[in-house]
Amino acid sequence: MIYNVTSSFTRITETAGTIQNNSYIYPIEISNQAVADSGILLYPLNKFSFSGTTLYMRCIESDKEAEVRVVPFEAAVLRGGDAVDAISANAFQSLQTTGSTVNFRNGSGTVVDSFSFADIAFIGSASSTVEGAFWMED
């Protein structure tokens, strides 16, 4: 599916897939609601994968238009075995941890997705063993 998005939000019909910003010039905003500055910024030629929700897109430059394609998944981030709103490998550049929260940041440092681990993790099976300690630093 190809969308030509303007400065007004366009609701996409797909609830899962990979959004490709085909523009060579204009960034677009992707949001789960039709409200400006409520989503993430997708730069030209970048990609964003998602599942389980309907999204809205707009060209953030007024009076301009950008072509956007929605294609099947290329990559997904799994949380507990469930695919959720996911980011393709091309959409983020770095990870940052703050306490139990992990932030995915794009090339400009903007957080494009995040999730939190439980503060305390329980091993659910008496037969489970801990193979070794690991440490995550900022």
N, C-alpha and C. Protein backbone atom coordinates (compact mmCIF):
# COMPACT_ATOMS: atom_id res chain seq x y z
N MET A 1 0.85 -1.18 0.00
CA MET A 1 0.00 0.00 0.00
C MET A 1 0.89 1.24 0.00
N ILE A 2 0.56 2.22 -0.85
CA ILE A 2 1.31 3.46 -0.93
C ILE A 2 0.40 4.60 -0.46
N TYR A 3 0.93 5.45 0.42
CA TYR A 3 0.20 6.61 0.91
C TYR A 3 0.98 7.86 0.56
N ASN A 4 0.30 8.88 0.09
CA ASN A 4 0.88 10.20 -0.04
C ASN A 4 0.37 11.04 1.13
N VAL A 5 1.23 11.28 2.09
CA VAL A 5 0.79 11.96 3.30
C VAL A 5 1.15 13.43 3.24
N THR A 6 0.24 14.26 3.73
CA THR A 6 0.43 15.71 3.74
C THR A 6 0.60 16.16 5.19
N SER A 7 0.42 17.45 5.45
CA SER A 7 0.55 17.95 6.82
C SER A 7 -0.66 17.60 7.67
N SER A 8 -1.71 17.03 7.05
CA SER A 8 -2.84 16.50 7.82
C SER A 8 -2.61 15.01 8.06
N PHE A 9 -3.05 14.51 9.19
CA PHE A 9 -2.83 13.10 9.49
C PHE A 9 -3.64 12.21 8.56
N THR A 10 -3.01 11.12 8.12
CA THR A 10 -3.65 10.10 7.30
C THR A 10 -3.70 8.81 8.13
N ARG A 11 -4.88 8.26 8.27
CA ARG A 11 -5.02 6.99 8.99
C ARG A 11 -4.70 5.86 8.03
N ILE A 12 -3.79 4.97 8.42
CA ILE A 12 -3.46 3.84 7.56
C ILE A 12 -4.38 2.68 7.90
N THR A 13 -4.70 1.87 6.89
CA THR A 13 -5.66 0.79 7.09
C THR A 13 -5.03 -0.45 7.70
N GLU A 14 -3.71 -0.61 7.51
CA GLU A 14 -3.04 -1.78 8.06
C GLU A 14 -2.84 -1.63 9.56
N THR A 15 -2.88 -2.74 10.29
CA THR A 15 -2.58 -2.71 11.72
C THR A 15 -1.26 -3.39 12.04
N ALA A 16 -0.54 -3.84 11.01
CA ALA A 16 0.79 -4.42 11.20
C ALA A 16 1.58 -4.28 9.92
N GLY A 17 2.87 -4.13 10.04
CA GLY A 17 3.71 -4.03 8.85
C GLY A 17 4.91 -3.15 9.09
N THR A 18 5.57 -2.75 8.01
CA THR A 18 6.72 -1.87 8.08
C THR A 18 6.44 -0.64 7.24
N ILE A 19 6.51 0.53 7.87
CA ILE A 19 6.32 1.80 7.18
C ILE A 19 7.68 2.23 6.63
N GLN A 20 7.73 2.53 5.35
CA GLN A 20 8.94 3.03 4.73
C GLN A 20 8.70 4.47 4.27
N ASN A 21 9.52 5.39 4.78
CA ASN A 21 9.44 6.77 4.34
C ASN A 21 10.23 6.89 3.04
N ASN A 22 9.52 6.87 1.90
CA ASN A 22 10.18 6.88 0.60
C ASN A 22 10.68 8.25 0.19
N SER A 23 10.32 9.28 0.96
CA SER A 23 10.77 10.62 0.63
C SER A 23 12.28 10.73 0.76
N TYR A 24 12.89 11.52 -0.10
CA TYR A 24 14.32 11.81 0.00
C TYR A 24 14.55 13.13 0.74
N ILE A 25 13.47 13.83 1.08
CA ILE A 25 13.60 15.17 1.65
C ILE A 25 12.86 15.32 2.98
N TYR A 26 11.59 14.88 3.03
CA TYR A 26 10.72 15.28 4.14
C TYR A 26 10.58 14.20 5.21
N PRO A 27 10.77 14.55 6.47
CA PRO A 27 10.46 13.64 7.56
C PRO A 27 8.94 13.52 7.71
N ILE A 28 8.50 12.40 8.26
CA ILE A 28 7.08 12.24 8.57
C ILE A 28 6.94 11.91 10.05
N GLU A 29 5.77 12.15 10.58
CA GLU A 29 5.47 11.78 11.97
C GLU A 29 4.53 10.59 11.96
N ILE A 30 4.81 9.62 12.81
CA ILE A 30 3.96 8.44 12.98
C ILE A 30 3.40 8.47 14.39
N SER A 31 2.10 8.31 14.52
CA SER A 31 1.47 8.39 15.83
C SER A 31 0.34 7.38 15.92
N ASN A 32 -0.04 7.03 17.15
CA ASN A 32 -1.21 6.18 17.33
C ASN A 32 -2.47 7.03 17.53
N GLN A 33 -2.34 8.34 17.35
CA GLN A 33 -3.48 9.24 17.43
C GLN A 33 -3.23 10.42 16.48
N ALA A 34 -4.30 11.04 16.05
CA ALA A 34 -4.17 12.13 15.08
C ALA A 34 -3.93 13.45 15.80
N VAL A 35 -2.82 13.53 16.52
CA VAL A 35 -2.45 14.72 17.28
C VAL A 35 -0.99 15.04 16.98
N ALA A 36 -0.73 16.29 16.58
CA ALA A 36 0.63 16.68 16.23
C ALA A 36 1.58 16.51 17.40
N ASP A 37 2.82 16.12 17.09
CA ASP A 37 3.89 15.95 18.09
C ASP A 37 3.54 14.90 19.15
N SER A 38 2.80 13.88 18.74
CA SER A 38 2.42 12.82 19.68
C SER A 38 3.06 11.49 19.36
N GLY A 39 3.89 11.47 18.29
CA GLY A 39 4.46 10.20 17.88
C GLY A 39 5.97 10.27 17.72
N ILE A 40 6.48 9.54 16.75
CA ILE A 40 7.91 9.54 16.49
C ILE A 40 8.18 10.18 15.14
N LEU A 41 9.38 10.69 14.98
CA LEU A 41 9.80 11.30 13.73
C LEU A 41 10.53 10.26 12.90
N LEU A 42 10.07 10.06 11.68
CA LEU A 42 10.70 9.10 10.78
C LEU A 42 11.36 9.89 9.65
N TYR A 43 12.67 9.83 9.61
CA TYR A 43 13.42 10.62 8.63
C TYR A 43 13.35 9.98 7.25
N PRO A 44 13.70 10.73 6.19
CA PRO A 44 13.64 10.18 4.83
C PRO A 44 14.39 8.85 4.71
N LEU A 45 13.74 7.90 4.06
CA LEU A 45 14.25 6.56 3.75
C LEU A 45 14.36 5.66 4.98
N ASN A 46 13.98 6.14 6.17
CA ASN A 46 13.97 5.28 7.36
C ASN A 46 12.73 4.40 7.37
N LYS A 47 12.76 3.40 8.25
CA LYS A 47 11.66 2.43 8.35
C LYS A 47 11.23 2.29 9.80
N PHE A 48 9.97 1.91 10.00
CA PHE A 48 9.42 1.66 11.33
C PHE A 48 8.45 0.50 11.23
N SER A 49 8.65 -0.56 12.02
CA SER A 49 7.76 -1.71 12.01
C SER A 49 6.82 -1.66 13.20
N PHE A 50 5.61 -2.16 13.02
CA PHE A 50 4.59 -2.06 14.07
C PHE A 50 3.64 -3.24 13.96
N SER A 51 2.93 -3.51 15.06
CA SER A 51 1.92 -4.56 15.04
C SER A 51 0.84 -4.26 16.06
N GLY A 52 -0.35 -4.74 15.78
CA GLY A 52 -1.44 -4.69 16.74
C GLY A 52 -2.07 -3.34 16.95
N THR A 53 -1.83 -2.36 16.08
CA THR A 53 -2.45 -1.06 16.27
C THR A 53 -2.62 -0.36 14.93
N THR A 54 -3.53 0.59 14.87
CA THR A 54 -3.70 1.42 13.69
C THR A 54 -2.94 2.72 13.92
N LEU A 55 -2.17 3.16 12.95
CA LEU A 55 -1.36 4.35 13.10
C LEU A 55 -1.80 5.46 12.15
N TYR A 56 -1.35 6.67 12.47
CA TYR A 56 -1.59 7.85 11.64
C TYR A 56 -0.25 8.41 11.20
N MET A 57 -0.20 8.99 10.00
CA MET A 57 1.05 9.55 9.48
C MET A 57 0.77 10.92 8.90
N ARG A 58 1.79 11.79 8.99
CA ARG A 58 1.69 13.10 8.33
C ARG A 58 3.09 13.56 7.95
N CYS A 59 3.16 14.39 6.93
CA CYS A 59 4.40 15.06 6.58
C CYS A 59 4.53 16.27 7.50
N ILE A 60 5.64 16.39 8.21
CA ILE A 60 5.73 17.45 9.21
C ILE A 60 6.02 18.82 8.59
N GLU A 61 6.34 18.86 7.29
CA GLU A 61 6.54 20.14 6.61
C GLU A 61 5.20 20.58 6.03
N SER A 62 4.73 21.76 6.43
CA SER A 62 3.42 22.21 5.95
C SER A 62 3.47 22.46 4.45
N ASP A 63 2.35 22.20 3.80
CA ASP A 63 2.19 22.37 2.35
C ASP A 63 3.12 21.48 1.54
N LYS A 64 3.60 20.39 2.13
CA LYS A 64 4.45 19.44 1.42
C LYS A 64 3.77 18.08 1.44
N GLU A 65 4.34 17.14 0.69
CA GLU A 65 3.78 15.80 0.60
C GLU A 65 4.92 14.80 0.55
N ALA A 66 4.73 13.68 1.23
CA ALA A 66 5.74 12.62 1.21
C ALA A 66 5.07 11.30 0.88
N GLU A 67 5.77 10.47 0.12
CA GLU A 67 5.24 9.15 -0.22
C GLU A 67 5.71 8.14 0.81
N VAL A 68 4.78 7.35 1.28
CA VAL A 68 5.05 6.36 2.32
C VAL A 68 4.49 5.03 1.85
N ARG A 69 5.27 3.96 2.04
CA ARG A 69 4.81 2.61 1.72
C ARG A 69 4.66 1.81 3.01
N VAL A 70 3.67 0.94 3.03
CA VAL A 70 3.51 0.00 4.14
C VAL A 70 3.64 -1.40 3.56
N VAL A 71 4.62 -2.15 4.07
CA VAL A 71 4.93 -3.48 3.56
C VAL A 71 4.93 -4.47 4.72
N PRO A 72 4.95 -5.77 4.46
CA PRO A 72 4.98 -6.75 5.55
C PRO A 72 6.21 -6.57 6.44
N PHE A 73 6.13 -7.14 7.64
CA PHE A 73 7.22 -7.04 8.62
C PHE A 73 8.56 -7.42 8.03
N GLU A 74 9.59 -6.66 8.43
CA GLU A 74 10.97 -7.04 8.16
C GLU A 74 11.64 -7.52 9.43
N ALA A 75 11.29 -6.91 10.57
CA ALA A 75 11.91 -7.27 11.84
C ALA A 75 10.93 -6.94 12.95
N ALA A 76 11.06 -7.59 14.07
CA ALA A 76 10.21 -7.30 15.22
C ALA A 76 11.03 -7.42 16.49
N VAL A 77 10.67 -6.61 17.46
CA VAL A 77 11.27 -6.71 18.78
C VAL A 77 10.31 -7.55 19.62
N LEU A 78 10.80 -8.59 20.25
CA LEU A 78 9.95 -9.46 21.04
C LEU A 78 10.09 -9.13 22.51
N ARG A 79 8.97 -9.06 23.18
CA ARG A 79 8.95 -8.85 24.63
C ARG A 79 8.16 -10.00 25.24
N GLY A 80 8.84 -10.85 25.96
CA GLY A 80 8.15 -11.97 26.57
C GLY A 80 7.53 -12.90 25.56
N GLY A 81 8.08 -12.97 24.36
CA GLY A 81 7.56 -13.87 23.35
C GLY A 81 6.44 -13.29 22.52
N ASP A 82 5.96 -12.08 22.86
CA ASP A 82 4.87 -11.46 22.11
C ASP A 82 5.40 -10.34 21.25
N ALA A 83 5.01 -10.32 19.98
CA ALA A 83 5.39 -9.21 19.11
C ALA A 83 4.51 -8.02 19.46
N VAL A 84 5.13 -6.89 19.71
CA VAL A 84 4.39 -5.67 20.03
C VAL A 84 4.80 -4.60 19.05
N ASP A 85 4.36 -3.35 19.28
CA ASP A 85 4.80 -2.27 18.41
C ASP A 85 6.31 -2.37 18.31
N ALA A 86 6.83 -2.57 17.12
CA ALA A 86 8.23 -2.96 16.98
C ALA A 86 8.95 -2.03 16.04
N ILE A 87 10.24 -1.97 16.20
CA ILE A 87 11.07 -1.08 15.41
C ILE A 87 12.03 -1.91 14.58
N SER A 88 12.10 -1.62 13.28
CA SER A 88 13.06 -2.36 12.46
C SER A 88 14.48 -1.92 12.81
N ALA A 89 15.44 -2.72 12.43
CA ALA A 89 16.84 -2.44 12.77
C ALA A 89 17.29 -1.10 12.21
N ASN A 90 16.69 -0.64 11.12
CA ASN A 90 17.10 0.63 10.52
C ASN A 90 16.55 1.85 11.25
N ALA A 91 15.60 1.65 12.16
CA ALA A 91 14.94 2.80 12.78
C ALA A 91 15.62 3.28 14.04
N PHE A 92 16.45 2.45 14.69
CA PHE A 92 17.11 2.95 15.89
C PHE A 92 18.61 2.69 15.83
N GLN A 93 19.34 3.57 16.50
CA GLN A 93 20.79 3.53 16.44
C GLN A 93 21.42 3.07 17.75
N SER A 94 20.72 3.26 18.88
CA SER A 94 21.35 2.96 20.16
C SER A 94 20.32 2.59 21.20
N LEU A 95 20.79 1.93 22.24
CA LEU A 95 19.97 1.58 23.40
C LEU A 95 20.52 2.33 24.60
N GLN A 96 19.62 2.75 25.49
CA GLN A 96 20.02 3.39 26.73
C GLN A 96 19.20 2.78 27.85
N THR A 97 19.84 2.41 28.94
CA THR A 97 19.12 1.88 30.08
C THR A 97 19.15 2.89 31.21
N THR A 98 18.00 3.07 31.85
CA THR A 98 17.88 3.92 33.03
C THR A 98 17.09 3.13 34.05
N GLY A 99 17.77 2.63 35.08
CA GLY A 99 17.10 1.74 36.02
C GLY A 99 16.62 0.51 35.30
N SER A 100 15.32 0.25 35.33
CA SER A 100 14.77 -0.93 34.67
C SER A 100 14.14 -0.60 33.31
N THR A 101 14.35 0.63 32.83
CA THR A 101 13.77 1.05 31.55
C THR A 101 14.83 1.01 30.46
N VAL A 102 14.46 0.45 29.30
CA VAL A 102 15.34 0.41 28.14
C VAL A 102 14.73 1.32 27.07
N ASN A 103 15.51 2.29 26.59
CA ASN A 103 15.07 3.22 25.55
C ASN A 103 15.78 2.91 24.24
N PHE A 104 15.01 2.87 23.15
CA PHE A 104 15.57 2.76 21.81
C PHE A 104 15.66 4.17 21.24
N ARG A 105 16.85 4.59 20.81
CA ARG A 105 17.04 5.95 20.28
C ARG A 105 17.44 5.89 18.82
N ASN A 106 16.91 6.86 18.04
CA ASN A 106 17.29 6.93 16.63
C ASN A 106 18.58 7.73 16.49
N GLY A 107 19.00 7.99 15.25
CA GLY A 107 20.27 8.65 15.00
C GLY A 107 20.37 10.04 15.58
N SER A 108 19.23 10.73 15.79
CA SER A 108 19.27 12.07 16.36
C SER A 108 19.14 12.05 17.88
N GLY A 109 19.07 10.84 18.47
CA GLY A 109 18.96 10.73 19.93
C GLY A 109 17.55 10.71 20.46
N THR A 110 16.53 10.82 19.58
CA THR A 110 15.14 10.79 20.01
C THR A 110 14.74 9.37 20.39
N VAL A 111 14.05 9.22 21.52
CA VAL A 111 13.54 7.92 21.94
C VAL A 111 12.39 7.53 21.02
N VAL A 112 12.54 6.41 20.30
CA VAL A 112 11.49 5.97 19.39
C VAL A 112 10.67 4.82 19.96
N ASP A 113 11.13 4.20 21.03
CA ASP A 113 10.36 3.17 21.71
C ASP A 113 11.06 2.89 23.04
N SER A 114 10.33 2.34 23.99
CA SER A 114 10.94 2.00 25.27
C SER A 114 10.10 0.93 25.96
N PHE A 115 10.71 0.22 26.89
CA PHE A 115 9.96 -0.70 27.73
C PHE A 115 10.70 -0.87 29.04
N SER A 116 9.99 -1.39 30.05
CA SER A 116 10.58 -1.55 31.38
C SER A 116 10.56 -3.00 31.79
N PHE A 117 11.67 -3.44 32.39
CA PHE A 117 11.70 -4.73 33.05
C PHE A 117 11.09 -4.57 34.43
N ALA A 118 10.55 -5.64 34.98
CA ALA A 118 10.07 -5.59 36.36
C ALA A 118 11.25 -5.30 37.27
N ASP A 119 11.01 -4.55 38.34
CA ASP A 119 12.09 -4.22 39.27
C ASP A 119 12.66 -5.47 39.91
N ILE A 120 11.80 -6.45 40.15
CA ILE A 120 12.25 -7.71 40.72
C ILE A 120 11.78 -8.83 39.81
N ALA A 121 12.69 -9.69 39.40
CA ALA A 121 12.34 -10.81 38.53
C ALA A 121 12.35 -12.10 39.35
N PHE A 122 11.33 -12.90 39.17
CA PHE A 122 11.23 -14.16 39.89
C PHE A 122 11.49 -15.31 38.93
N ILE A 123 12.21 -16.30 39.38
CA ILE A 123 12.38 -17.53 38.59
C ILE A 123 11.19 -18.41 38.91
N GLY A 124 10.42 -18.76 37.86
CA GLY A 124 9.16 -19.41 38.07
C GLY A 124 9.22 -20.90 38.27
N SER A 125 10.33 -21.54 38.00
CA SER A 125 10.41 -22.98 38.11
C SER A 125 11.50 -23.38 39.10
N ALA A 126 11.18 -24.36 39.91
CA ALA A 126 12.16 -24.83 40.90
C ALA A 126 13.37 -25.47 40.22
N SER A 127 13.18 -25.91 38.98
CA SER A 127 14.28 -26.55 38.27
C SER A 127 15.14 -25.55 37.49
N SER A 128 14.77 -24.26 37.54
CA SER A 128 15.54 -23.24 36.83
C SER A 128 16.87 -23.00 37.53
N THR A 129 17.89 -22.73 36.76
CA THR A 129 19.19 -22.38 37.32
C THR A 129 19.69 -21.11 36.67
N VAL A 130 20.44 -20.32 37.42
CA VAL A 130 21.04 -19.11 36.90
C VAL A 130 22.44 -19.46 36.41
N GLU A 131 22.69 -19.28 35.13
CA GLU A 131 23.96 -19.69 34.53
C GLU A 131 25.10 -18.74 34.86
N GLY A 132 24.78 -17.49 35.09
CA GLY A 132 25.84 -16.52 35.39
C GLY A 132 25.23 -15.14 35.51
N ALA A 133 25.95 -14.26 36.17
CA ALA A 133 25.44 -12.91 36.36
C ALA A 133 25.73 -12.06 35.12
N PHE A 134 24.91 -11.07 34.87
CA PHE A 134 25.21 -10.12 33.81
C PHE A 134 24.93 -8.73 34.32
N TRP A 135 25.50 -7.76 33.66
CA TRP A 135 25.42 -6.38 34.13
C TRP A 135 25.15 -5.48 32.94
N MET A 136 24.21 -4.55 33.08
CA MET A 136 23.94 -3.58 32.03
C MET A 136 24.30 -2.21 32.57
N GLU A 137 25.09 -1.46 31.82
CA GLU A 137 25.47 -0.12 32.24
C GLU A 137 24.98 0.90 31.24
N ASP A 138 24.81 2.12 31.71
CA ASP A 138 24.42 3.22 30.82
C ASP A 138 25.54 3.52 29.86
